[in-house]
Amino acid sequence: MRLCVVLLFVSLLTSCETQGTIETPVFVLKGRDLLLKLHADPPEGVLFVDWKVNKTVTLVRFDPSGKANVLHSFTGRFEFPENKFSVILKNLQEADSGVYSAVAGTSTGDKLVSEYKVTVQGPVSPVELTVDRVDSSSSESCDLHVTCRTHNSHISSTLRCVDQVCSQEGGERPEVTTSGASLQVYLLNNVIICNHSNQVHWTQDFITAEHLCSLKPELPFVFLVKMVVFSVGLIIMASAVITVHLVDFKKHQERNGGQTPHAALEESSHLKVTF
């Protein structure tokens, strides 16, 4: 009894290993084409070769000569290269993801000769890398707090920079977005890189880190002092302008006997000239 159980276990293990060897994972960018071909020659006396999706729906049947007959509609369209029993799936969409298998029919039964686990993915969205905060007491060292954002996710990290040499202290592990893509912040040669990727597409944003310590924001007290000095300067300038105008006005009054320049001009216009 124990020997039978062992033999059954070995038989199942061998079957799983064979199945794992046949199945090939394939990732395809949405809108691209995919070539499906046999991993091995069909057996002797083959009657037909079927390409199936999800092991139930037969898409194309080849006769022994390699002539193709489309049996089921497809979101894109088929093309048939010169290679016997091969098929090209055109314009793949995400709904076309699935297991595509080639089955050879013989007089003794069907035999699986190829299998592809196809995953169709769209392009990932753009990303934006921002420096949220710079904590520093000098221009030689600082802590950089950065965030990498995409439209539906974000990940933050902290970097320590000393004498323009930076090291990462957090955020190395990627964040998996709702679409299954990977969002990651990492440091490469003092360049902070924000990367958004799946198996077929990626986008990046980056910032050079070594000079960011010198760009730290001014402290509130320093900013307040600058505003006060600027305001006092404006008041002094305005007072000087007003004082100059008052002195000039007083001189005109004294020159015209206490009258304003405008009144003196009106009086002179009424003088009569006699001979």
C-alpha atoms as a PDB file:
ATOM      1  CA  MET A   1       0.000   0.000   0.000  1.00  0.00           C
ATOM      2  CA  ARG A   2       2.813   2.401   0.955  1.00  0.00           C
ATOM      3  CA  LEU A   3       4.636   1.580  -2.297  1.00  0.00           C
ATOM      4  CA  CYS A   4       1.513   2.430  -4.319  1.00  0.00           C
ATOM      5  CA  VAL A   5       1.196   5.779  -2.581  1.00  0.00           C
ATOM      6  CA  VAL A   6       4.865   6.554  -3.286  1.00  0.00           C
ATOM      7  CA  LEU A   7       4.498   5.577  -6.944  1.00  0.00           C
ATOM      8  CA  LEU A   8       1.360   7.718  -7.265  1.00  0.00           C
ATOM      9  CA  PHE A   9       3.173  10.698  -5.710  1.00  0.00           C
ATOM     10  CA  VAL A  10       6.139  10.266  -8.064  1.00  0.00           C
ATOM     11  CA  SER A  11       3.784  10.000 -11.034  1.00  0.00           C
ATOM     12  CA  LEU A  12       1.972  13.243 -10.071  1.00  0.00           C
ATOM     13  CA  LEU A  13       5.285  15.040  -9.476  1.00  0.00           C
ATOM     14  CA  THR A  14       6.594  13.967 -12.880  1.00  0.00           C
ATOM     15  CA  SER A  15       3.361  15.129 -14.520  1.00  0.00           C
ATOM     16  CA  CYS A  16       3.602  18.570 -12.796  1.00  0.00           C
ATOM     17  CA  GLU A  17       7.242  18.961 -13.803  1.00  0.00           C
ATOM     18  CA  THR A  18       6.408  18.114 -17.393  1.00  0.00           C
ATOM     19  CA  GLN A  19       3.499  20.547 -17.368  1.00  0.00           C
ATOM     20  CA  GLY A  20       5.702  23.283 -15.867  1.00  0.00           C
ATOM     21  CA  THR A  21       8.329  22.701 -18.532  1.00  0.00           C
ATOM     22  CA  ILE A  22       5.795  23.011 -21.362  1.00  0.00           C
ATOM     23  CA  GLU A  23       4.033  26.137 -20.103  1.00  0.00           C
ATOM     24  CA  THR A  24       5.850  29.342 -21.042  1.00  0.00           C
ATOM     25  CA  PRO A  25       4.929  32.653 -19.349  1.00  0.00           C
ATOM     26  CA  VAL A  26       4.684  35.512 -21.838  1.00  0.00           C
ATOM     27  CA  PHE A  27       3.984  39.207 -21.152  1.00  0.00           C
ATOM     28  CA  VAL A  28       2.767  41.356 -24.040  1.00  0.00           C
ATOM     29  CA  LEU A  29       2.223  45.113 -24.305  1.00  0.00           C
ATOM     30  CA  LYS A  30      -1.352  45.999 -25.202  1.00  0.00           C
ATOM     31  CA  GLY A  31      -1.742  46.440 -28.962  1.00  0.00           C
ATOM     32  CA  ARG A  32       1.276  44.322 -29.867  1.00  0.00           C
ATOM     33  CA  ASP A  33       1.370  40.988 -31.722  1.00  0.00           C
ATOM     34  CA  LEU A  34       2.332  37.565 -30.411  1.00  0.00           C
ATOM     35  CA  LEU A  35       3.813  34.595 -32.285  1.00  0.00           C
ATOM     36  CA  LEU A  36       2.689  31.178 -31.050  1.00  0.00           C
ATOM     37  CA  LYS A  37       4.770  28.259 -32.268  1.00  0.00           C
ATOM     38  CA  LEU A  38       5.294  24.656 -31.298  1.00  0.00           C
ATOM     39  CA  HIS A  39       7.926  23.819 -28.727  1.00  0.00           C
ATOM     40  CA  ALA A  40       8.523  20.494 -30.463  1.00  0.00           C
ATOM     41  CA  ASP A  41       7.646  18.786 -33.706  1.00  0.00           C
ATOM     42  CA  PRO A  42       4.219  17.127 -33.739  1.00  0.00           C
ATOM     43  CA  PRO A  43       4.247  13.355 -33.275  1.00  0.00           C
ATOM     44  CA  GLU A  44       4.250  10.910 -36.176  1.00  0.00           C
ATOM     45  CA  GLY A  45       0.878  10.273 -37.749  1.00  0.00           C
ATOM     46  CA  VAL A  46      -0.565  13.623 -36.586  1.00  0.00           C
ATOM     47  CA  LEU A  47      -4.120  14.194 -37.823  1.00  0.00           C
ATOM     48  CA  PHE A  48      -4.428  17.867 -36.852  1.00  0.00           C
ATOM     49  CA  VAL A  49      -2.958  20.549 -34.581  1.00  0.00           C
ATOM     50  CA  ASP A  50      -5.339  22.785 -32.658  1.00  0.00           C
ATOM     51  CA  TRP A  51      -4.513  26.097 -30.987  1.00  0.00           C
ATOM     52  CA  LYS A  52      -6.840  26.545 -28.022  1.00  0.00           C
ATOM     53  CA  VAL A  53      -7.398  29.320 -25.490  1.00  0.00           C
ATOM     54  CA  ASN A  54      -7.954  28.384 -21.848  1.00  0.00           C
ATOM     55  CA  LYS A  55      -8.001  24.711 -22.931  1.00  0.00           C
ATOM     56  CA  THR A  56     -11.618  24.862 -24.064  1.00  0.00           C
ATOM     57  CA  VAL A  57     -12.072  27.092 -27.130  1.00  0.00           C
ATOM     58  CA  THR A  58     -10.348  26.033 -30.356  1.00  0.00           C
ATOM     59  CA  LEU A  59      -9.205  29.077 -32.296  1.00  0.00           C
ATOM     60  CA  VAL A  60      -7.371  27.531 -35.250  1.00  0.00           C
ATOM     61  CA  ARG A  61      -7.039  23.999 -36.595  1.00  0.00           C
ATOM     62  CA  PHE A  62      -4.143  22.962 -38.848  1.00  0.00           C
ATOM     63  CA  ASP A  63      -4.307  19.880 -41.061  1.00  0.00           C
ATOM     64  CA  PRO A  64      -1.199  17.669 -41.400  1.00  0.00           C
ATOM     65  CA  SER A  65       0.072  19.769 -44.312  1.00  0.00           C
ATOM     66  CA  GLY A  66      -0.007  22.932 -42.192  1.00  0.00           C
ATOM     67  CA  LYS A  67      -3.057  24.549 -43.776  1.00  0.00           C
ATOM     68  CA  ALA A  68      -4.972  26.640 -41.234  1.00  0.00           C
ATOM     69  CA  ASN A  69      -8.715  26.812 -40.659  1.00  0.00           C
ATOM     70  CA  VAL A  70     -10.038  29.493 -38.268  1.00  0.00           C
ATOM     71  CA  LEU A  71     -12.745  27.993 -36.063  1.00  0.00           C
ATOM     72  CA  HIS A  72     -13.438  30.802 -33.585  1.00  0.00           C
ATOM     73  CA  SER A  73     -13.506  34.581 -33.767  1.00  0.00           C
ATOM     74  CA  PHE A  74     -10.819  36.647 -32.066  1.00  0.00           C
ATOM     75  CA  THR A  75     -10.678  40.278 -30.848  1.00  0.00           C
ATOM     76  CA  GLY A  76      -7.810  41.010 -33.232  1.00  0.00           C
ATOM     77  CA  ARG A  77      -6.977  38.865 -36.228  1.00  0.00           C
ATOM     78  CA  PHE A  78      -4.762  35.926 -37.138  1.00  0.00           C
ATOM     79  CA  GLU A  79      -1.751  35.742 -39.376  1.00  0.00           C
ATOM     80  CA  PHE A  80       0.014  32.544 -40.377  1.00  0.00           C
ATOM     81  CA  PRO A  81       3.774  32.654 -40.964  1.00  0.00           C
ATOM     82  CA  GLU A  82       5.605  30.146 -43.086  1.00  0.00           C
ATOM     83  CA  ASN A  83       6.438  28.020 -40.048  1.00  0.00           C
ATOM     84  CA  LYS A  84       4.108  25.055 -39.943  1.00  0.00           C
ATOM     85  CA  PHE A  85       1.414  25.102 -37.239  1.00  0.00           C
ATOM     86  CA  SER A  86       2.406  28.607 -36.043  1.00  0.00           C
ATOM     87  CA  VAL A  87      -0.004  31.494 -35.616  1.00  0.00           C
ATOM     88  CA  ILE A  88       0.382  35.222 -34.956  1.00  0.00           C
ATOM     89  CA  LEU A  89      -2.221  36.889 -32.736  1.00  0.00           C
ATOM     90  CA  LYS A  90      -2.603  40.517 -33.821  1.00  0.00           C
ATOM     91  CA  ASN A  91      -3.381  43.596 -31.708  1.00  0.00           C
ATOM     92  CA  LEU A  92      -3.662  41.838 -28.361  1.00  0.00           C
ATOM     93  CA  GLN A  93      -5.888  43.418 -25.711  1.00  0.00           C
ATOM     94  CA  GLU A  94      -6.016  42.843 -21.960  1.00  0.00           C
ATOM     95  CA  ALA A  95      -9.100  40.630 -22.368  1.00  0.00           C
ATOM     96  CA  ASP A  96      -6.995  38.275 -24.513  1.00  0.00           C
ATOM     97  CA  SER A  97      -4.904  37.202 -21.510  1.00  0.00           C
ATOM     98  CA  GLY A  98      -5.107  33.484 -20.901  1.00  0.00           C
ATOM     99  CA  VAL A  99      -3.538  30.093 -21.551  1.00  0.00           C
ATOM    100  CA  TYR A 100      -2.900  29.295 -25.218  1.00  0.00           C
ATOM    101  CA  SER A 101      -2.080  25.676 -25.964  1.00  0.00           C
ATOM    102  CA  ALA A 102      -1.306  23.592 -29.024  1.00  0.00           C
ATOM    103  CA  VAL A 103      -2.772  20.096 -29.050  1.00  0.00           C
ATOM    104  CA  ALA A 104      -1.792  17.494 -31.611  1.00  0.00           C
ATOM    105  CA  GLY A 105      -4.448  14.959 -32.501  1.00  0.00           C
ATOM    106  CA  THR A 106      -3.337  11.424 -33.282  1.00  0.00           C
ATOM    107  CA  SER A 107      -5.023   8.078 -33.717  1.00  0.00           C
ATOM    108  CA  THR A 108      -4.101   7.217 -30.150  1.00  0.00           C
ATOM    109  CA  GLY A 109      -5.350  10.460 -28.619  1.00  0.00           C
ATOM    110  CA  ASP A 110      -4.479  14.120 -28.141  1.00  0.00           C
ATOM    111  CA  LYS A 111      -1.056  15.302 -27.023  1.00  0.00           C
ATOM    112  CA  LEU A 112      -0.149  18.699 -25.588  1.00  0.00           C
ATOM    113  CA  VAL A 113       2.876  20.008 -27.507  1.00  0.00           C
ATOM    114  CA  SER A 114       3.017  23.712 -26.495  1.00  0.00           C
ATOM    115  CA  GLU A 115       1.472  25.964 -23.900  1.00  0.00           C
ATOM    116  CA  TYR A 116       1.813  29.699 -23.249  1.00  0.00           C
ATOM    117  CA  LYS A 117       0.463  31.607 -20.278  1.00  0.00           C
ATOM    118  CA  VAL A 118      -0.137  34.996 -21.873  1.00  0.00           C
ATOM    119  CA  THR A 119      -0.589  38.198 -19.864  1.00  0.00           C
ATOM    120  CA  VAL A 120      -1.435  41.370 -21.789  1.00  0.00           C
ATOM    121  CA  GLN A 121      -0.632  44.602 -19.947  1.00  0.00           C
ATOM    122  CA  GLY A 122      -1.205  48.244 -20.797  1.00  0.00           C
ATOM    123  CA  PRO A 123       1.461  50.952 -20.460  1.00  0.00           C
ATOM    124  CA  VAL A 124       1.992  52.363 -16.977  1.00  0.00           C
ATOM    125  CA  SER A 125       1.083  55.965 -16.174  1.00  0.00           C
ATOM    126  CA  PRO A 126       3.689  58.762 -15.862  1.00  0.00           C
ATOM    127  CA  VAL A 127       5.236  59.535 -12.474  1.00  0.00           C
ATOM    128  CA  GLU A 128       6.345  62.683 -10.644  1.00  0.00           C
ATOM    129  CA  LEU A 129       9.198  62.874  -8.138  1.00  0.00           C
ATOM    130  CA  THR A 130       9.058  65.764  -5.652  1.00  0.00           C
ATOM    131  CA  VAL A 131      11.225  66.901  -2.743  1.00  0.00           C
ATOM    132  CA  ASP A 132       8.770  67.408   0.113  1.00  0.00           C
ATOM    133  CA  ARG A 133      11.168  68.672   2.756  1.00  0.00           C
ATOM    134  CA  VAL A 134      14.852  69.370   3.342  1.00  0.00           C
ATOM    135  CA  ASP A 135      15.996  69.114   6.958  1.00  0.00           C
ATOM    136  CA  SER A 136      19.436  70.664   7.390  1.00  0.00           C
ATOM    137  CA  SER A 137      21.531  72.810   9.692  1.00  0.00           C
ATOM    138  CA  SER A 138      24.331  73.365   7.171  1.00  0.00           C
ATOM    139  CA  SER A 139      25.014  73.210   3.449  1.00  0.00           C
ATOM    140  CA  GLU A 140      27.206  70.119   3.884  1.00  0.00           C
ATOM    141  CA  SER A 141      24.590  67.696   5.237  1.00  0.00           C
ATOM    142  CA  CYS A 142      20.835  67.281   5.086  1.00  0.00           C
ATOM    143  CA  ASP A 143      17.947  64.827   5.111  1.00  0.00           C
ATOM    144  CA  LEU A 144      15.874  64.753   1.941  1.00  0.00           C
ATOM    145  CA  HIS A 145      12.254  63.642   2.145  1.00  0.00           C
ATOM    146  CA  VAL A 146      10.978  62.723  -1.326  1.00  0.00           C
ATOM    147  CA  THR A 147       7.760  61.271  -2.738  1.00  0.00           C
ATOM    148  CA  CYS A 148       7.198  59.393  -5.987  1.00  0.00           C
ATOM    149  CA  ARG A 149       3.607  59.781  -7.218  1.00  0.00           C
ATOM    150  CA  THR A 150       1.449  58.296  -9.924  1.00  0.00           C
ATOM    151  CA  HIS A 151      -2.258  58.854 -10.535  1.00  0.00           C
ATOM    152  CA  ASN A 152      -3.400  56.163  -8.087  1.00  0.00           C
ATOM    153  CA  SER A 153      -0.485  55.537  -5.724  1.00  0.00           C
ATOM    154  CA  HIS A 154       2.598  57.014  -4.103  1.00  0.00           C
ATOM    155  CA  ILE A 155       5.694  55.979  -2.158  1.00  0.00           C
ATOM    156  CA  SER A 156       7.979  58.090   0.052  1.00  0.00           C
ATOM    157  CA  SER A 157      11.617  57.779   1.018  1.00  0.00           C
ATOM    158  CA  THR A 158      14.264  59.582   3.090  1.00  0.00           C
ATOM    159  CA  LEU A 159      17.852  60.148   1.975  1.00  0.00           C
ATOM    160  CA  ARG A 160      20.797  61.318   4.050  1.00  0.00           C
ATOM    161  CA  CYS A 161      23.387  63.474   2.246  1.00  0.00           C
ATOM    162  CA  VAL A 162      26.781  64.326   3.787  1.00  0.00           C
ATOM    163  CA  ASP A 163      29.433  66.241   1.792  1.00  0.00           C
ATOM    164  CA  GLN A 164      27.416  65.676  -1.410  1.00  0.00           C
ATOM    165  CA  VAL A 165      27.363  61.892  -0.899  1.00  0.00           C
ATOM    166  CA  CYS A 166      23.848  60.513  -0.353  1.00  0.00           C
ATOM    167  CA  SER A 167      22.517  57.244   1.023  1.00  0.00           C
ATOM    168  CA  GLN A 168      18.956  55.953   1.197  1.00  0.00           C
ATOM    169  CA  GLU A 169      17.318  55.288   4.552  1.00  0.00           C
ATOM    170  CA  GLY A 170      13.834  54.195   3.527  1.00  0.00           C
ATOM    171  CA  GLY A 171      11.529  53.348   0.637  1.00  0.00           C
ATOM    172  CA  GLU A 172      13.727  50.781  -1.090  1.00  0.00           C
ATOM    173  CA  ARG A 173      10.932  48.209  -1.161  1.00  0.00           C
ATOM    174  CA  PRO A 174       8.554  48.779  -4.083  1.00  0.00           C
ATOM    175  CA  GLU A 175       4.900  49.650  -3.657  1.00  0.00           C
ATOM    176  CA  VAL A 176       2.466  47.579  -5.736  1.00  0.00           C
ATOM    177  CA  THR A 177      -0.218  49.777  -7.323  1.00  0.00           C
ATOM    178  CA  THR A 178      -3.867  48.856  -7.848  1.00  0.00           C
ATOM    179  CA  SER A 179      -3.075  47.924 -11.457  1.00  0.00           C
ATOM    180  CA  GLY A 180      -0.391  45.457 -10.341  1.00  0.00           C
ATOM    181  CA  ALA A 181       2.528  47.648 -11.415  1.00  0.00           C
ATOM    182  CA  SER A 182       5.543  48.391  -9.213  1.00  0.00           C
ATOM    183  CA  LEU A 183       6.312  51.877  -7.856  1.00  0.00           C
ATOM    184  CA  GLN A 184       9.810  52.376  -6.421  1.00  0.00           C
ATOM    185  CA  VAL A 185      12.225  55.105  -5.295  1.00  0.00           C
ATOM    186  CA  TYR A 186      15.917  54.280  -5.351  1.00  0.00           C
ATOM    187  CA  LEU A 187      19.303  56.013  -5.427  1.00  0.00           C
ATOM    188  CA  LEU A 188      21.833  55.486  -8.210  1.00  0.00           C
ATOM    189  CA  ASN A 189      25.087  57.495  -8.307  1.00  0.00           C
ATOM    190  CA  ASN A 190      23.554  60.340  -6.265  1.00  0.00           C
ATOM    191  CA  VAL A 191      20.535  60.482  -8.580  1.00  0.00           C
ATOM    192  CA  ILE A 192      17.125  59.894  -6.994  1.00  0.00           C
ATOM    193  CA  ILE A 193      15.031  57.808  -9.397  1.00  0.00           C
ATOM    194  CA  CYS A 194      11.283  57.308  -9.265  1.00  0.00           C
ATOM    195  CA  ASN A 195      10.328  54.246 -11.324  1.00  0.00           C
ATOM    196  CA  HIS A 196       6.871  52.967 -12.304  1.00  0.00           C
ATOM    197  CA  SER A 197       6.902  49.686 -14.207  1.00  0.00           C
ATOM    198  CA  ASN A 198       5.198  46.440 -15.070  1.00  0.00           C
ATOM    199  CA  GLN A 199       6.605  43.525 -17.073  1.00  0.00           C
ATOM    200  CA  VAL A 200       6.278  45.293 -20.436  1.00  0.00           C
ATOM    201  CA  HIS A 201       6.525  49.058 -19.865  1.00  0.00           C
ATOM    202  CA  TRP A 202       8.111  51.617 -17.535  1.00  0.00           C
ATOM    203  CA  THR A 203       8.273  55.384 -16.866  1.00  0.00           C
ATOM    204  CA  GLN A 204      10.734  57.358 -14.721  1.00  0.00           C
ATOM    205  CA  ASP A 205      11.380  60.734 -13.145  1.00  0.00           C
ATOM    206  CA  PHE A 206      14.646  61.700 -11.447  1.00  0.00           C
ATOM    207  CA  ILE A 207      16.387  64.457  -9.471  1.00  0.00           C
ATOM    208  CA  THR A 208      20.115  64.946  -8.814  1.00  0.00           C
ATOM    209  CA  ALA A 209      20.535  64.808  -5.032  1.00  0.00           C
ATOM    210  CA  GLU A 210      24.036  66.131  -4.366  1.00  0.00           C
ATOM    211  CA  HIS A 211      23.165  69.868  -4.534  1.00  0.00           C
ATOM    212  CA  LEU A 212      19.783  69.770  -2.783  1.00  0.00           C
ATOM    213  CA  CYS A 213      21.219  70.510   0.666  1.00  0.00           C
ATOM    214  CA  SER A 214      22.116  74.042  -0.474  1.00  0.00           C
ATOM    215  CA  LEU A 215      18.523  74.581  -1.610  1.00  0.00           C
ATOM    216  CA  LYS A 216      16.972  74.112   1.817  1.00  0.00           C
ATOM    217  CA  PRO A 217      14.072  76.496   2.590  1.00  0.00           C
ATOM    218  CA  GLU A 218      14.822  79.558   4.756  1.00  0.00           C
ATOM    219  CA  LEU A 219      13.859  79.445   8.382  1.00  0.00           C
ATOM    220  CA  PRO A 220      10.676  81.393   9.294  1.00  0.00           C
ATOM    221  CA  PHE A 221      12.612  83.784  11.589  1.00  0.00           C
ATOM    222  CA  VAL A 222      15.068  84.730   8.834  1.00  0.00           C
ATOM    223  CA  PHE A 223      12.179  85.278   6.430  1.00  0.00           C
ATOM    224  CA  LEU A 224      10.392  87.497   8.994  1.00  0.00           C
ATOM    225  CA  VAL A 225      13.515  89.609   9.573  1.00  0.00           C
ATOM    226  CA  LYS A 226      13.925  90.149   5.830  1.00  0.00           C
ATOM    227  CA  MET A 227      10.296  91.242   5.518  1.00  0.00           C
ATOM    228  CA  VAL A 228      10.677  93.724   8.397  1.00  0.00           C
ATOM    229  CA  VAL A 229      13.867  95.224   6.912  1.00  0.00           C
ATOM    230  CA  PHE A 230      12.200  95.510   3.509  1.00  0.00           C
ATOM    231  CA  SER A 231       9.128  97.222   4.998  1.00  0.00           C
ATOM    232  CA  VAL A 232      11.218  99.713   7.012  1.00  0.00           C
ATOM    233  CA  GLY A 233      13.189 100.563   3.894  1.00  0.00           C
ATOM    234  CA  LEU A 234       9.984 101.312   1.986  1.00  0.00           C
ATOM    235  CA  ILE A 235       8.746 103.582   4.801  1.00  0.00           C
ATOM    236  CA  ILE A 236      12.038 105.525   4.883  1.00  0.00           C
ATOM    237  CA  MET A 237      11.987 106.003   1.113  1.00  0.00           C
ATOM    238  CA  ALA A 238       8.373 107.193   1.166  1.00  0.00           C
ATOM    239  CA  SER A 239       9.119 109.629   4.027  1.00  0.00           C
ATOM    240  CA  ALA A 240      12.097 111.073   2.152  1.00  0.00           C
ATOM    241  CA  VAL A 241       9.994 111.689  -0.960  1.00  0.00           C
ATOM    242  CA  ILE A 242       7.252 113.411   1.060  1.00  0.00           C
ATOM    243  CA  THR A 243       9.806 115.588   2.921  1.00  0.00           C
ATOM    244  CA  VAL A 244      11.375 116.767  -0.347  1.00  0.00           C
ATOM    245  CA  HIS A 245       7.983 117.757  -1.720  1.00  0.00           C
ATOM    246  CA  LEU A 246       7.067 119.659   1.474  1.00  0.00           C
ATOM    247  CA  VAL A 247      10.353 121.610   1.474  1.00  0.00           C
ATOM    248  CA  ASP A 248       9.899 122.515  -2.168  1.00  0.00           C
ATOM    249  CA  PHE A 249       6.318 123.623  -1.521  1.00  0.00           C
ATOM    250  CA  LYS A 250       7.417 125.849   1.399  1.00  0.00           C
ATOM    251  CA  LYS A 251      10.101 127.518  -0.737  1.00  0.00           C
ATOM    252  CA  HIS A 252       7.511 128.391  -3.377  1.00  0.00           C
ATOM    253  CA  GLN A 253       5.270 129.955  -0.736  1.00  0.00           C
ATOM    254  CA  GLU A 254       8.085 132.114   0.632  1.00  0.00           C
ATOM    255  CA  ARG A 255       9.071 133.218  -2.865  1.00  0.00           C
ATOM    256  CA  ASN A 256       5.514 134.328  -3.662  1.00  0.00           C
ATOM    257  CA  GLY A 257       4.682 136.136  -0.412  1.00  0.00           C
ATOM    258  CA  GLY A 258       2.974 133.341   1.286  1.00  0.00           C
ATOM    259  CA  GLN A 259       0.801 132.504  -1.694  1.00  0.00           C
ATOM    260  CA  THR A 260       0.731 129.150  -3.311  1.00  0.00           C
ATOM    261  CA  PRO A 261       2.362 128.963  -6.731  1.00  0.00           C
ATOM    262  CA  HIS A 262      -1.056 128.489  -8.291  1.00  0.00           C
ATOM    263  CA  ALA A 263      -2.523 131.601  -6.598  1.00  0.00           C
ATOM    264  CA  ALA A 264       0.450 133.743  -7.583  1.00  0.00           C
ATOM    265  CA  LEU A 265       0.032 132.711 -11.176  1.00  0.00           C
ATOM    266  CA  GLU A 266      -3.676 133.672 -11.171  1.00  0.00           C
ATOM    267  CA  GLU A 267      -2.885 137.126  -9.680  1.00  0.00           C
ATOM    268  CA  SER A 268      -0.238 137.850 -12.266  1.00  0.00           C
ATOM    269  CA  SER A 269      -2.693 137.078 -15.030  1.00  0.00           C
ATOM    270  CA  HIS A 270      -4.977 139.954 -13.851  1.00  0.00           C
ATOM    271  CA  LEU A 271      -2.284 142.723 -13.805  1.00  0.00           C
ATOM    272  CA  LYS A 272      -2.781 145.559 -16.246  1.00  0.00           C
ATOM    273  CA  VAL A 273       0.091 147.002 -18.110  1.00  0.00           C
ATOM    274  CA  THR A 274       0.046 150.877 -18.384  1.00  0.00           C
ATOM    275  CA  PHE A 275       2.340 153.226 -20.227  1.00  0.00           C
END
